[in-house]
Amino acid sequence: MVESGVEKQLDWNDDVIMTSSEVAKFLKVHLGSVRRWTRTGELKGYRLGERGDWRYIRGDVLNFLFKYSQTASK
């Protein structure tokens, strides 16, 4: 099967690592929204290093996006 551009772009197993800022740009939301969703457990994130910087796996961000878009459309 040949993958279309959209299917390739929305790969559920995508293991690209993203920063909080990159997630905010990707979702077109404010950085504070990404931080809030992470803090409340809605968006899965990982703390790294002594500074506690957050990192996200793009597949987790896509899962969040589809879950969030389904609840918003109800």
Foldseek 3Di string as FASTA:
>chain_A
DDDDPVCVVLPLPQFDKDFLVRLCVVVVHDSVVSVVCCVVVLQPWAFDDPVRGIMHGVSSSSVSVVVVVVVVVD
